[in-house]
Amino acid sequence: MPDRPPRRAVITFHEVAERQLAEMDDATLACLDPHLDTIALNPKTAGVQMRPESPVRDYIKDGVRIAYVSTVLGTIVLVAYVEIDPR
């Protein structure tokens, strides 16, 4: 049986995140893409839970911060907030 590639979550964006993305230039968006890929591959473990009772996870790496919520099965990720430090 052939190896299947890992299952990826579908990434969707909240209105706030969509507005943030609309203001970013192509270079900034390119910087963001690998981080979204990481979250899509491992939505339950890529970020840390913001508070014990909250479903919101916070992913911070290399000057990129993404706040997101994953469905129970990890098939859909809703990105609520995106922040990139333009070092």
Protein backbone atom coordinates (compact mmCIF):
# COMPACT_ATOMS: atom_id res chain seq x y z
CA MET A 1 0.00 0.00 0.00
CA PRO A 2 1.55 3.34 -1.00
CA ASP A 3 2.34 5.95 1.63
CA ARG A 4 -0.18 8.75 1.71
CA PRO A 5 0.90 12.32 2.33
CA PRO A 6 -0.11 13.68 5.72
CA ARG A 7 -3.64 15.05 5.91
CA ARG A 8 -3.78 18.84 5.96
CA ALA A 9 -6.42 21.02 7.55
CA VAL A 10 -8.24 23.55 5.41
CA ILE A 11 -7.23 27.07 6.43
CA THR A 12 -9.97 29.72 6.53
CA PHE A 13 -9.71 33.33 7.68
CA HIS A 14 -11.89 35.44 9.95
CA GLU A 15 -12.77 38.94 8.68
CA VAL A 16 -10.09 40.54 10.86
CA ALA A 17 -7.38 38.24 9.51
CA GLU A 18 -8.60 38.82 5.93
CA ARG A 19 -8.21 42.57 6.42
CA GLN A 20 -4.73 42.06 7.84
CA LEU A 21 -3.74 39.91 4.86
CA ALA A 22 -5.13 42.47 2.41
CA GLU A 23 -2.72 45.06 3.81
CA MET A 24 0.37 42.82 3.45
CA ASP A 25 2.72 42.96 0.48
CA ASP A 26 3.76 39.87 -1.50
CA ALA A 27 7.03 39.41 0.40
CA THR A 28 5.22 39.43 3.75
CA LEU A 29 2.62 36.97 2.48
CA ALA A 30 5.41 34.68 1.25
CA CYS A 31 6.93 34.80 4.75
CA LEU A 32 3.56 33.80 6.22
CA ASP A 33 2.92 30.79 3.94
CA PRO A 34 5.31 28.26 5.56
CA HIS A 35 3.83 29.03 8.97
CA LEU A 36 0.30 28.42 7.70
CA ASP A 37 1.56 25.14 6.21
CA THR A 38 2.91 24.11 9.62
CA ILE A 39 -0.44 24.83 11.24
CA ALA A 40 -2.35 23.00 8.47
CA LEU A 41 -0.24 19.88 9.01
CA ASN A 42 -0.49 19.90 12.82
CA PRO A 43 -3.28 22.20 14.02
CA LYS A 44 -3.51 20.56 17.45
CA THR A 45 0.20 20.87 18.26
CA ALA A 46 1.61 23.76 16.19
CA GLY A 47 0.45 26.43 18.63
CA VAL A 48 -0.09 26.58 22.35
CA GLN A 49 -3.47 26.97 23.98
CA MET A 50 -3.91 30.61 25.05
CA ARG A 51 -5.89 29.72 28.21
CA PRO A 52 -6.91 26.33 29.58
CA GLU A 53 -10.62 26.88 28.89
CA SER A 54 -10.11 28.53 25.47
CA PRO A 55 -10.10 26.79 22.09
CA VAL A 56 -7.82 29.53 20.71
CA ARG A 57 -4.25 28.50 20.02
CA ASP A 58 -1.34 30.90 19.65
CA TYR A 59 1.44 30.09 17.16
CA ILE A 60 4.58 32.25 17.48
CA LYS A 61 7.75 31.62 15.51
CA ASP A 62 10.33 33.69 13.60
CA GLY A 63 8.49 36.97 14.14
CA VAL A 64 5.14 35.55 13.01
CA ARG A 65 2.15 35.28 15.33
CA ILE A 66 -1.05 33.53 14.34
CA ALA A 67 -4.07 33.08 16.61
CA TYR A 68 -6.34 30.29 15.40
CA VAL A 69 -9.03 27.79 16.32
CA SER A 70 -9.07 24.23 15.04
CA THR A 71 -12.11 22.00 14.69
CA VAL A 72 -12.31 18.95 16.94
CA LEU A 73 -11.09 16.64 14.18
CA GLY A 74 -8.45 19.12 13.06
CA THR A 75 -9.81 19.30 9.52
CA ILE A 76 -10.57 23.04 9.48
CA VAL A 77 -8.55 25.88 10.99
CA LEU A 78 -10.01 29.35 11.43
CA VAL A 79 -7.26 31.97 11.55
CA ALA A 80 -8.48 34.85 13.69
CA TYR A 81 -5.41 37.10 13.85
CA VAL A 82 -2.09 37.44 12.02
CA GLU A 83 0.90 39.55 13.03
CA ILE A 84 4.29 39.67 11.33
CA ASP A 85 7.31 41.52 12.69
CA PRO A 86 9.00 42.95 9.58
CA ARG A 87 12.53 42.67 11.04
